Amino acid sequence: GLPGVVLMDEKGMPYDIIHGARRTPEE
């Protein structure tokens, strides 16, 4: 389901996935 964010290092190797959004930047 969208949105989904994948965090990668500079080589493109992934290290985490964040599913969904949150209400605020602080969350």
mmCIF file of all heavy atoms, coordinates in Angstrom:
data_MODEL
# 
_entry.id   MODEL 
# 
loop_
_atom_site.group_PDB 
_atom_site.id 
_atom_site.type_symbol 
_atom_site.label_atom_id 
_atom_site.label_alt_id 
_atom_site.label_comp_id 
_atom_site.label_asym_id 
_atom_site.label_entity_id 
_atom_site.label_seq_id 
_atom_site.pdbx_PDB_ins_code 
_atom_site.Cartn_x 
_atom_site.Cartn_y 
_atom_site.Cartn_z 
_atom_site.occupancy 
_atom_site.B_iso_or_equiv 
_atom_site.pdbx_formal_charge 
_atom_site.auth_seq_id 
_atom_site.auth_comp_id 
_atom_site.auth_asym_id 
_atom_site.auth_atom_id 
_atom_site.pdbx_PDB_model_num 
ATOM 1   N N   . GLY A 1 1  ? 0.832  -1.192 0.000  1.00 0.00 ? 1  GLY A N   1 
ATOM 2   C CA  . GLY A 1 1  ? 0.000  0.000  0.000  1.00 0.00 ? 1  GLY A CA  1 
ATOM 3   C C   . GLY A 1 1  ? 0.864  1.237  0.000  1.00 0.00 ? 1  GLY A C   1 
ATOM 4   O O   . GLY A 1 1  ? 1.939  1.251  0.606  1.00 0.00 ? 1  GLY A O   1 
ATOM 5   N N   . LEU A 1 2  ? 0.408  2.269  -0.693 1.00 0.00 ? 2  LEU A N   1 
ATOM 6   C CA  . LEU A 1 2  ? 1.154  3.515  -0.774 1.00 0.00 ? 2  LEU A CA  1 
ATOM 7   C C   . LEU A 1 2  ? 0.658  4.484  0.303  1.00 0.00 ? 2  LEU A C   1 
ATOM 8   O O   . LEU A 1 2  ? -0.509 4.443  0.682  1.00 0.00 ? 2  LEU A O   1 
ATOM 9   C CB  . LEU A 1 2  ? 0.986  4.131  -2.162 1.00 0.00 ? 2  LEU A CB  1 
ATOM 10  C CG  . LEU A 1 2  ? 1.467  3.270  -3.332 1.00 0.00 ? 2  LEU A CG  1 
ATOM 11  C CD1 . LEU A 1 2  ? 1.236  4.009  -4.653 1.00 0.00 ? 2  LEU A CD1 1 
ATOM 12  C CD2 . LEU A 1 2  ? 2.928  2.900  -3.193 1.00 0.00 ? 2  LEU A CD2 1 
ATOM 13  N N   . PRO A 1 3  ? 1.571  5.339  0.799  1.00 0.00 ? 3  PRO A N   1 
ATOM 14  C CA  . PRO A 1 3  ? 2.986  5.476  0.428  1.00 0.00 ? 3  PRO A CA  1 
ATOM 15  C C   . PRO A 1 3  ? 3.867  4.479  1.174  1.00 0.00 ? 3  PRO A C   1 
ATOM 16  O O   . PRO A 1 3  ? 3.481  3.923  2.195  1.00 0.00 ? 3  PRO A O   1 
ATOM 17  C CB  . PRO A 1 3  ? 3.315  6.911  0.872  1.00 0.00 ? 3  PRO A CB  1 
ATOM 18  C CG  . PRO A 1 3  ? 2.454  7.102  2.091  1.00 0.00 ? 3  PRO A CG  1 
ATOM 19  C CD  . PRO A 1 3  ? 1.167  6.377  1.782  1.00 0.00 ? 3  PRO A CD  1 
ATOM 20  N N   . GLY A 1 4  ? 5.044  4.275  0.619  1.00 0.00 ? 4  GLY A N   1 
ATOM 21  C CA  . GLY A 1 4  ? 6.066  3.483  1.286  1.00 0.00 ? 4  GLY A CA  1 
ATOM 22  C C   . GLY A 1 4  ? 7.416  4.091  0.971  1.00 0.00 ? 4  GLY A C   1 
ATOM 23  O O   . GLY A 1 4  ? 7.657  4.521  -0.155 1.00 0.00 ? 4  GLY A O   1 
ATOM 24  N N   . VAL A 1 5  ? 8.279  4.150  1.956  1.00 0.00 ? 5  VAL A N   1 
ATOM 25  C CA  . VAL A 1 5  ? 9.605  4.753  1.782  1.00 0.00 ? 5  VAL A CA  1 
ATOM 26  C C   . VAL A 1 5  ? 10.670 3.718  2.120  1.00 0.00 ? 5  VAL A C   1 
ATOM 27  O O   . VAL A 1 5  ? 10.610 3.076  3.177  1.00 0.00 ? 5  VAL A O   1 
ATOM 28  C CB  . VAL A 1 5  ? 9.772  6.001  2.667  1.00 0.00 ? 5  VAL A CB  1 
ATOM 29  C CG1 . VAL A 1 5  ? 11.235 6.442  2.731  1.00 0.00 ? 5  VAL A CG1 1 
ATOM 30  C CG2 . VAL A 1 5  ? 8.918  7.146  2.133  1.00 0.00 ? 5  VAL A CG2 1 
ATOM 31  N N   . VAL A 1 6  ? 11.633 3.555  1.213  1.00 0.00 ? 6  VAL A N   1 
ATOM 32  C CA  . VAL A 1 6  ? 12.765 2.663  1.441  1.00 0.00 ? 6  VAL A CA  1 
ATOM 33  C C   . VAL A 1 6  ? 14.006 3.525  1.650  1.00 0.00 ? 6  VAL A C   1 
ATOM 34  O O   . VAL A 1 6  ? 14.299 4.405  0.845  1.00 0.00 ? 6  VAL A O   1 
ATOM 35  C CB  . VAL A 1 6  ? 12.984 1.702  0.256  1.00 0.00 ? 6  VAL A CB  1 
ATOM 36  C CG1 . VAL A 1 6  ? 14.179 0.790  0.524  1.00 0.00 ? 6  VAL A CG1 1 
ATOM 37  C CG2 . VAL A 1 6  ? 11.730 0.870  0.013  1.00 0.00 ? 6  VAL A CG2 1 
ATOM 38  N N   . LEU A 1 7  ? 14.715 3.263  2.729  1.00 0.00 ? 7  LEU A N   1 
ATOM 39  C CA  . LEU A 1 7  ? 15.966 3.965  3.014  1.00 0.00 ? 7  LEU A CA  1 
ATOM 40  C C   . LEU A 1 7  ? 17.127 3.094  2.562  1.00 0.00 ? 7  LEU A C   1 
ATOM 41  O O   . LEU A 1 7  ? 17.180 1.898  2.895  1.00 0.00 ? 7  LEU A O   1 
ATOM 42  C CB  . LEU A 1 7  ? 16.087 4.262  4.513  1.00 0.00 ? 7  LEU A CB  1 
ATOM 43  C CG  . LEU A 1 7  ? 14.940 5.061  5.144  1.00 0.00 ? 7  LEU A CG  1 
ATOM 44  C CD1 . LEU A 1 7  ? 15.202 5.287  6.626  1.00 0.00 ? 7  LEU A CD1 1 
ATOM 45  C CD2 . LEU A 1 7  ? 14.731 6.382  4.424  1.00 0.00 ? 7  LEU A CD2 1 
ATOM 46  N N   . MET A 1 8  ? 18.053 3.683  1.796  1.00 0.00 ? 8  MET A N   1 
ATOM 47  C CA  . MET A 1 8  ? 19.193 2.960  1.236  1.00 0.00 ? 8  MET A CA  1 
ATOM 48  C C   . MET A 1 8  ? 20.482 3.711  1.511  1.00 0.00 ? 8  MET A C   1 
ATOM 49  O O   . MET A 1 8  ? 20.466 4.938  1.683  1.00 0.00 ? 8  MET A O   1 
ATOM 50  C CB  . MET A 1 8  ? 19.034 2.813  -0.281 1.00 0.00 ? 8  MET A CB  1 
ATOM 51  C CG  . MET A 1 8  ? 17.786 2.128  -0.744 1.00 0.00 ? 8  MET A CG  1 
ATOM 52  S SD  . MET A 1 8  ? 17.720 2.069  -2.567 1.00 0.00 ? 8  MET A SD  1 
ATOM 53  C CE  . MET A 1 8  ? 16.233 1.105  -2.817 1.00 0.00 ? 8  MET A CE  1 
ATOM 54  N N   . ASP A 1 9  ? 21.601 2.980  1.493  1.00 0.00 ? 9  ASP A N   1 
ATOM 55  C CA  . ASP A 1 9  ? 22.891 3.662  1.555  1.00 0.00 ? 9  ASP A CA  1 
ATOM 56  C C   . ASP A 1 9  ? 23.270 4.150  0.161  1.00 0.00 ? 9  ASP A C   1 
ATOM 57  O O   . ASP A 1 9  ? 22.500 4.007  -0.794 1.00 0.00 ? 9  ASP A O   1 
ATOM 58  C CB  . ASP A 1 9  ? 23.968 2.753  2.168  1.00 0.00 ? 9  ASP A CB  1 
ATOM 59  C CG  . ASP A 1 9  ? 24.241 1.492  1.348  1.00 0.00 ? 9  ASP A CG  1 
ATOM 60  O OD1 . ASP A 1 9  ? 23.963 1.488  0.122  1.00 0.00 ? 9  ASP A OD1 1 
ATOM 61  O OD2 . ASP A 1 9  ? 24.752 0.509  1.914  1.00 0.00 ? 9  ASP A OD2 1 
ATOM 62  N N   . GLU A 1 10 ? 24.454 4.729  0.051  1.00 0.00 ? 10 GLU A N   1 
ATOM 63  C CA  . GLU A 1 10 ? 24.843 5.353  -1.213 1.00 0.00 ? 10 GLU A CA  1 
ATOM 64  C C   . GLU A 1 10 ? 25.012 4.344  -2.346 1.00 0.00 ? 10 GLU A C   1 
ATOM 65  O O   . GLU A 1 10 ? 24.960 4.709  -3.533 1.00 0.00 ? 10 GLU A O   1 
ATOM 66  C CB  . GLU A 1 10 ? 26.138 6.156  -1.035 1.00 0.00 ? 10 GLU A CB  1 
ATOM 67  C CG  . GLU A 1 10 ? 27.390 5.317  -0.854 1.00 0.00 ? 10 GLU A CG  1 
ATOM 68  C CD  . GLU A 1 10 ? 27.559 4.747  0.547  1.00 0.00 ? 10 GLU A CD  1 
ATOM 69  O OE1 . GLU A 1 10 ? 26.690 5.006  1.410  1.00 0.00 ? 10 GLU A OE1 1 
ATOM 70  O OE2 . GLU A 1 10 ? 28.557 4.035  0.780  1.00 0.00 ? 10 GLU A OE2 1 
ATOM 71  N N   . LYS A 1 11 ? 25.163 3.072  -2.022 1.00 0.00 ? 11 LYS A N   1 
ATOM 72  C CA  . LYS A 1 11 ? 25.288 2.028  -3.037 1.00 0.00 ? 11 LYS A CA  1 
ATOM 73  C C   . LYS A 1 11 ? 23.929 1.456  -3.453 1.00 0.00 ? 11 LYS A C   1 
ATOM 74  O O   . LYS A 1 11 ? 23.866 0.584  -4.311 1.00 0.00 ? 11 LYS A O   1 
ATOM 75  C CB  . LYS A 1 11 ? 26.187 0.906  -2.522 1.00 0.00 ? 11 LYS A CB  1 
ATOM 76  C CG  . LYS A 1 11 ? 27.627 1.336  -2.256 1.00 0.00 ? 11 LYS A CG  1 
ATOM 77  C CD  . LYS A 1 11 ? 28.448 0.184  -1.711 1.00 0.00 ? 11 LYS A CD  1 
ATOM 78  C CE  . LYS A 1 11 ? 29.877 0.613  -1.421 1.00 0.00 ? 11 LYS A CE  1 
ATOM 79  N NZ  . LYS A 1 11 ? 30.686 -0.493 -0.833 1.00 0.00 ? 11 LYS A NZ  1 
ATOM 80  N N   . GLY A 1 12 ? 22.881 1.928  -2.808 1.00 0.00 ? 12 GLY A N   1 
ATOM 81  C CA  . GLY A 1 12 ? 21.557 1.417  -3.109 1.00 0.00 ? 12 GLY A CA  1 
ATOM 82  C C   . GLY A 1 12 ? 21.183 0.190  -2.299 1.00 0.00 ? 12 GLY A C   1 
ATOM 83  O O   . GLY A 1 12 ? 20.183 -0.468 -2.606 1.00 0.00 ? 12 GLY A O   1 
ATOM 84  N N   . MET A 1 13 ? 21.947 -0.113 -1.253 1.00 0.00 ? 13 MET A N   1 
ATOM 85  C CA  . MET A 1 13 ? 21.620 -1.249 -0.395 1.00 0.00 ? 13 MET A CA  1 
ATOM 86  C C   . MET A 1 13 ? 20.628 -0.789 0.674  1.00 0.00 ? 13 MET A C   1 
ATOM 87  O O   . MET A 1 13 ? 20.914 0.112  1.461  1.00 0.00 ? 13 MET A O   1 
ATOM 88  C CB  . MET A 1 13 ? 22.887 -1.825 0.253  1.00 0.00 ? 13 MET A CB  1 
ATOM 89  C CG  . MET A 1 13 ? 23.899 -2.338 -0.753 1.00 0.00 ? 13 MET A CG  1 
ATOM 90  S SD  . MET A 1 13 ? 23.213 -3.585 -1.888 1.00 0.00 ? 13 MET A SD  1 
ATOM 91  C CE  . MET A 1 13 ? 22.837 -4.927 -0.751 1.00 0.00 ? 13 MET A CE  1 
ATOM 92  N N   . PRO A 1 14 ? 19.444 -1.398 0.732  1.00 0.00 ? 14 PRO A N   1 
ATOM 93  C CA  . PRO A 1 14 ? 18.391 -0.926 1.632  1.00 0.00 ? 14 PRO A CA  1 
ATOM 94  C C   . PRO A 1 14 ? 18.644 -1.334 3.082  1.00 0.00 ? 14 PRO A C   1 
ATOM 95  O O   . PRO A 1 14 ? 19.196 -2.402 3.350  1.00 0.00 ? 14 PRO A O   1 
ATOM 96  C CB  . PRO A 1 14 ? 17.150 -1.616 1.083  1.00 0.00 ? 14 PRO A CB  1 
ATOM 97  C CG  . PRO A 1 14 ? 17.677 -2.902 0.509  1.00 0.00 ? 14 PRO A CG  1 
ATOM 98  C CD  . PRO A 1 14 ? 19.026 -2.567 -0.066 1.00 0.00 ? 14 PRO A CD  1 
ATOM 99  N N   . TYR A 1 15 ? 18.211 -0.484 4.004  1.00 0.00 ? 15 TYR A N   1 
ATOM 100 C CA  . TYR A 1 15 ? 18.353 -0.843 5.410  1.00 0.00 ? 15 TYR A CA  1 
ATOM 101 C C   . TYR A 1 15 ? 17.081 -0.621 6.226  1.00 0.00 ? 15 TYR A C   1 
ATOM 102 O O   . TYR A 1 15 ? 17.015 -1.033 7.379  1.00 0.00 ? 15 TYR A O   1 
ATOM 103 C CB  . TYR A 1 15 ? 19.545 -0.131 6.059  1.00 0.00 ? 15 TYR A CB  1 
ATOM 104 C CG  . TYR A 1 15 ? 19.560 1.377  5.924  1.00 0.00 ? 15 TYR A CG  1 
ATOM 105 C CD1 . TYR A 1 15 ? 18.826 2.191  6.776  1.00 0.00 ? 15 TYR A CD1 1 
ATOM 106 C CD2 . TYR A 1 15 ? 20.362 1.989  4.963  1.00 0.00 ? 15 TYR A CD2 1 
ATOM 107 C CE1 . TYR A 1 15 ? 18.861 3.566  6.661  1.00 0.00 ? 15 TYR A CE1 1 
ATOM 108 C CE2 . TYR A 1 15 ? 20.410 3.373  4.846  1.00 0.00 ? 15 TYR A CE2 1 
ATOM 109 C CZ  . TYR A 1 15 ? 19.662 4.155  5.701  1.00 0.00 ? 15 TYR A CZ  1 
ATOM 110 O OH  . TYR A 1 15 ? 19.702 5.521  5.596  1.00 0.00 ? 15 TYR A OH  1 
ATOM 111 N N   . ASP A 1 16 ? 16.070 0.009  5.652  1.00 0.00 ? 16 ASP A N   1 
ATOM 112 C CA  . ASP A 1 16 ? 14.791 0.098  6.372  1.00 0.00 ? 16 ASP A CA  1 
ATOM 113 C C   . ASP A 1 16 ? 13.678 0.469  5.406  1.00 0.00 ? 16 ASP A C   1 
ATOM 114 O O   . ASP A 1 16 ? 13.924 1.015  4.321  1.00 0.00 ? 16 ASP A O   1 
ATOM 115 C CB  . ASP A 1 16 ? 14.854 1.124  7.502  1.00 0.00 ? 16 ASP A CB  1 
ATOM 116 C CG  . ASP A 1 16 ? 13.808 0.838  8.586  1.00 0.00 ? 16 ASP A CG  1 
ATOM 117 O OD1 . ASP A 1 16 ? 13.196 -0.253 8.547  1.00 0.00 ? 16 ASP A OD1 1 
ATOM 118 O OD2 . ASP A 1 16 ? 13.622 1.681  9.480  1.00 0.00 ? 16 ASP A OD2 1 
ATOM 119 N N   . ILE A 1 17 ? 12.455 0.144  5.819  1.00 0.00 ? 17 ILE A N   1 
ATOM 120 C CA  . ILE A 1 17 ? 11.261 0.467  5.048  1.00 0.00 ? 17 ILE A CA  1 
ATOM 121 C C   . ILE A 1 17 ? 10.248 1.093  6.000  1.00 0.00 ? 17 ILE A C   1 
ATOM 122 O O   . ILE A 1 17 ? 9.983  0.558  7.082  1.00 0.00 ? 17 ILE A O   1 
ATOM 123 C CB  . ILE A 1 17 ? 10.647 -0.786 4.391  1.00 0.00 ? 17 ILE A CB  1 
ATOM 124 C CG1 . ILE A 1 17 ? 11.665 -1.440 3.452  1.00 0.00 ? 17 ILE A CG1 1 
ATOM 125 C CG2 . ILE A 1 17 ? 9.374  -0.437 3.638  1.00 0.00 ? 17 ILE A CG2 1 
ATOM 126 C CD1 . ILE A 1 17 ? 11.213 -2.756 2.868  1.00 0.00 ? 17 ILE A CD1 1 
ATOM 127 N N   . ILE A 1 18 ? 9.690  2.227  5.598  1.00 0.00 ? 18 ILE A N   1 
ATOM 128 C CA  . ILE A 1 18 ? 8.674  2.906  6.399  1.00 0.00 ? 18 ILE A CA  1 
ATOM 129 C C   . ILE A 1 18 ? 7.360  2.843  5.624  1.00 0.00 ? 18 ILE A C   1 
ATOM 130 O O   . ILE A 1 18 ? 7.259  3.378  4.520  1.00 0.00 ? 18 ILE A O   1 
ATOM 131 C CB  . ILE A 1 18 ? 9.058  4.372  6.673  1.00 0.00 ? 18 ILE A CB  1 
ATOM 132 C CG1 . ILE A 1 18 ? 10.441 4.444  7.350  1.00 0.00 ? 18 ILE A CG1 1 
ATOM 133 C CG2 . ILE A 1 18 ? 8.005  5.045  7.547  1.00 0.00 ? 18 ILE A CG2 1 
ATOM 134 C CD1 . ILE A 1 18 ? 10.971 5.861  7.507  1.00 0.00 ? 18 ILE A CD1 1 
ATOM 135 N N   . HIS A 1 19 ? 6.381  2.185  6.196  1.00 0.00 ? 19 HIS A N   1 
ATOM 136 C CA  . HIS A 1 19 ? 5.089  2.039  5.532  1.00 0.00 ? 19 HIS A CA  1 
ATOM 137 C C   . HIS A 1 19 ? 4.144  3.147  5.998  1.00 0.00 ? 19 HIS A C   1 
ATOM 138 O O   . HIS A 1 19 ? 4.026  3.440  7.184  1.00 0.00 ? 19 HIS A O   1 
ATOM 139 C CB  . HIS A 1 19 ? 4.479  0.673  5.845  1.00 0.00 ? 19 HIS A CB  1 
ATOM 140 C CG  . HIS A 1 19 ? 5.266  -0.480 5.300  1.00 0.00 ? 19 HIS A CG  1 
ATOM 141 N ND1 . HIS A 1 19 ? 5.150  -0.916 3.997  1.00 0.00 ? 19 HIS A ND1 1 
ATOM 142 C CD2 . HIS A 1 19 ? 6.198  -1.280 5.879  1.00 0.00 ? 19 HIS A CD2 1 
ATOM 143 C CE1 . HIS A 1 19 ? 5.954  -1.941 3.796  1.00 0.00 ? 19 HIS A CE1 1 
ATOM 144 N NE2 . HIS A 1 19 ? 6.608  -2.181 4.924  1.00 0.00 ? 19 HIS A NE2 1 
ATOM 145 N N   . GLY A 1 20 ? 3.460  3.759  5.045  1.00 0.00 ? 20 GLY A N   1 
ATOM 146 C CA  . GLY A 1 20 ? 2.461  4.758  5.380  1.00 0.00 ? 20 GLY A CA  1 
ATOM 147 C C   . GLY A 1 20 ? 3.049  6.114  5.724  1.00 0.00 ? 20 GLY A C   1 
ATOM 148 O O   . GLY A 1 20 ? 4.267  6.322  5.714  1.00 0.00 ? 20 GLY A O   1 
ATOM 149 N N   . ALA A 1 21 ? 2.149  7.046  6.028  1.00 0.00 ? 21 ALA A N   1 
ATOM 150 C CA  . ALA A 1 21 ? 2.549  8.386  6.438  1.00 0.00 ? 21 ALA A CA  1 
ATOM 151 C C   . ALA A 1 21 ? 2.231  8.560  7.932  1.00 0.00 ? 21 ALA A C   1 
ATOM 152 O O   . ALA A 1 21 ? 1.754  7.631  8.583  1.00 0.00 ? 21 ALA A O   1 
ATOM 153 C CB  . ALA A 1 21 ? 1.809  9.431  5.610  1.00 0.00 ? 21 ALA A CB  1 
ATOM 154 N N   . ARG A 1 22 ? 2.522  9.728  8.455  1.00 0.00 ? 22 ARG A N   1 
ATOM 155 C CA  . ARG A 1 22 ? 2.142  10.098 9.810  1.00 0.00 ? 22 ARG A CA  1 
ATOM 156 C C   . ARG A 1 22 ? 1.554  11.505 9.753  1.00 0.00 ? 22 ARG A C   1 
ATOM 157 O O   . ARG A 1 22 ? 1.663  12.188 8.752  1.00 0.00 ? 22 ARG A O   1 
ATOM 158 C CB  . ARG A 1 22 ? 3.342  10.042 10.759 1.00 0.00 ? 22 ARG A CB  1 
ATOM 159 C CG  . ARG A 1 22 ? 4.008  8.671  10.863 1.00 0.00 ? 22 ARG A CG  1 
ATOM 160 C CD  . ARG A 1 22 ? 3.074  7.609  11.422 1.00 0.00 ? 22 ARG A CD  1 
ATOM 161 N NE  . ARG A 1 22 ? 3.757  6.334  11.632 1.00 0.00 ? 22 ARG A NE  1 
ATOM 162 C CZ  . ARG A 1 22 ? 3.922  5.397  10.717 1.00 0.00 ? 22 ARG A CZ  1 
ATOM 163 N NH1 . ARG A 1 22 ? 3.475  5.599  9.470  1.00 0.00 ? 22 ARG A NH1 1 
ATOM 164 N NH2 . ARG A 1 22 ? 4.531  4.267  11.006 1.00 0.00 ? 22 ARG A NH2 1 
ATOM 165 N N   . ARG A 1 23 ? 0.973  11.964 10.829 1.00 0.00 ? 23 ARG A N   1 
ATOM 166 C CA  . ARG A 1 23 ? 0.295  13.252 10.785 1.00 0.00 ? 23 ARG A CA  1 
ATOM 167 C C   . ARG A 1 23 ? 1.262  14.419 10.638 1.00 0.00 ? 23 ARG A C   1 
ATOM 168 O O   . ARG A 1 23 ? 0.989  15.390 9.946  1.00 0.00 ? 23 ARG A O   1 
ATOM 169 C CB  . ARG A 1 23 ? -0.549 13.452 12.056 1.00 0.00 ? 23 ARG A CB  1 
ATOM 170 C CG  . ARG A 1 23 ? -1.771 12.557 12.139 1.00 0.00 ? 23 ARG A CG  1 
ATOM 171 C CD  . ARG A 1 23 ? -2.643 12.903 13.340 1.00 0.00 ? 23 ARG A CD  1 
ATOM 172 N NE  . ARG A 1 23 ? -1.855 12.859 14.581 1.00 0.00 ? 23 ARG A NE  1 
ATOM 173 C CZ  . ARG A 1 23 ? -1.639 13.909 15.347 1.00 0.00 ? 23 ARG A CZ  1 
ATOM 174 N NH1 . ARG A 1 23 ? -2.131 15.091 15.022 1.00 0.00 ? 23 ARG A NH1 1 
ATOM 175 N NH2 . ARG A 1 23 ? -0.929 13.796 16.461 1.00 0.00 ? 23 ARG A NH2 1 
ATOM 176 N N   . THR A 1 24 ? 2.397  14.339 11.316 1.00 0.00 ? 24 THR A N   1 
ATOM 177 C CA  . THR A 1 24 ? 3.305  15.484 11.375 1.00 0.00 ? 24 THR A CA  1 
ATOM 178 C C   . THR A 1 24 ? 4.744  15.041 11.136 1.00 0.00 ? 24 THR A C   1 
ATOM 179 O O   . THR A 1 24 ? 5.087  13.854 11.304 1.00 0.00 ? 24 THR A O   1 
ATOM 180 C CB  . THR A 1 24 ? 3.243  16.155 12.763 1.00 0.00 ? 24 THR A CB  1 
ATOM 181 O OG1 . THR A 1 24 ? 3.738  15.227 13.746 1.00 0.00 ? 24 THR A OG1 1 
ATOM 182 C CG2 . THR A 1 24 ? 1.815  16.562 13.113 1.00 0.00 ? 24 THR A CG2 1 
ATOM 183 N N   . PRO A 1 25 ? 5.630  15.977 10.776 1.00 0.00 ? 25 PRO A N   1 
ATOM 184 C CA  . PRO A 1 25 ? 7.058  15.647 10.671 1.00 0.00 ? 25 PRO A CA  1 
ATOM 185 C C   . PRO A 1 25 ? 7.617  15.099 11.984 1.00 0.00 ? 25 PRO A C   1 
ATOM 186 O O   . PRO A 1 25 ? 8.448  14.184 11.970 1.00 0.00 ? 25 PRO A O   1 
ATOM 187 C CB  . PRO A 1 25 ? 7.699  16.993 10.312 1.00 0.00 ? 25 PRO A CB  1 
ATOM 188 C CG  . PRO A 1 25 ? 6.612  17.778 9.673  1.00 0.00 ? 25 PRO A CG  1 
ATOM 189 C CD  . PRO A 1 25 ? 5.355  17.371 10.365 1.00 0.00 ? 25 PRO A CD  1 
ATOM 190 N N   . GLU A 1 26 ? 7.125  15.637 13.090 1.00 0.00 ? 26 GLU A N   1 
ATOM 191 C CA  . GLU A 1 26 ? 7.635  15.202 14.395 1.00 0.00 ? 26 GLU A CA  1 
ATOM 192 C C   . GLU A 1 26 ? 7.288  13.745 14.693 1.00 0.00 ? 26 GLU A C   1 
ATOM 193 O O   . GLU A 1 26 ? 7.996  13.076 15.454 1.00 0.00 ? 26 GLU A O   1 
ATOM 194 C CB  . GLU A 1 26 ? 7.068  16.118 15.495 1.00 0.00 ? 26 GLU A CB  1 
ATOM 195 C CG  . GLU A 1 26 ? 7.636  17.532 15.491 1.00 0.00 ? 26 GLU A CG  1 
ATOM 196 C CD  . GLU A 1 26 ? 7.146  18.380 14.324 1.00 0.00 ? 26 GLU A CD  1 
ATOM 197 O OE1 . GLU A 1 26 ? 6.052  18.073 13.763 1.00 0.00 ? 26 GLU A OE1 1 
ATOM 198 O OE2 . GLU A 1 26 ? 7.851  19.343 13.956 1.00 0.00 ? 26 GLU A OE2 1 
ATOM 199 N N   . GLU A 1 27 ? 6.202  13.248 14.094 1.00 0.00 ? 27 GLU A N   1 
ATOM 200 C CA  . GLU A 1 27 ? 5.853  11.837 14.269 1.00 0.00 ? 27 GLU A CA  1 
ATOM 201 C C   . GLU A 1 27 ? 6.596  10.945 13.284 1.00 0.00 ? 27 GLU A C   1 
ATOM 202 O O   . GLU A 1 27 ? 6.829  9.767  13.564 1.00 0.00 ? 27 GLU A O   1 
ATOM 203 C CB  . GLU A 1 27 ? 4.341  11.647 14.085 1.00 0.00 ? 27 GLU A CB  1 
ATOM 204 C CG  . GLU A 1 27 ? 3.508  12.289 15.185 1.00 0.00 ? 27 GLU A CG  1 
ATOM 205 C CD  . GLU A 1 27 ? 2.018  12.168 14.928 1.00 0.00 ? 27 GLU A CD  1 
ATOM 206 O OE1 . GLU A 1 27 ? 1.642  11.646 13.860 1.00 0.00 ? 27 GLU A OE1 1 
ATOM 207 O OE2 . GLU A 1 27 ? 1.235  12.607 15.780 1.00 0.00 ? 27 GLU A OE2 1 
# 
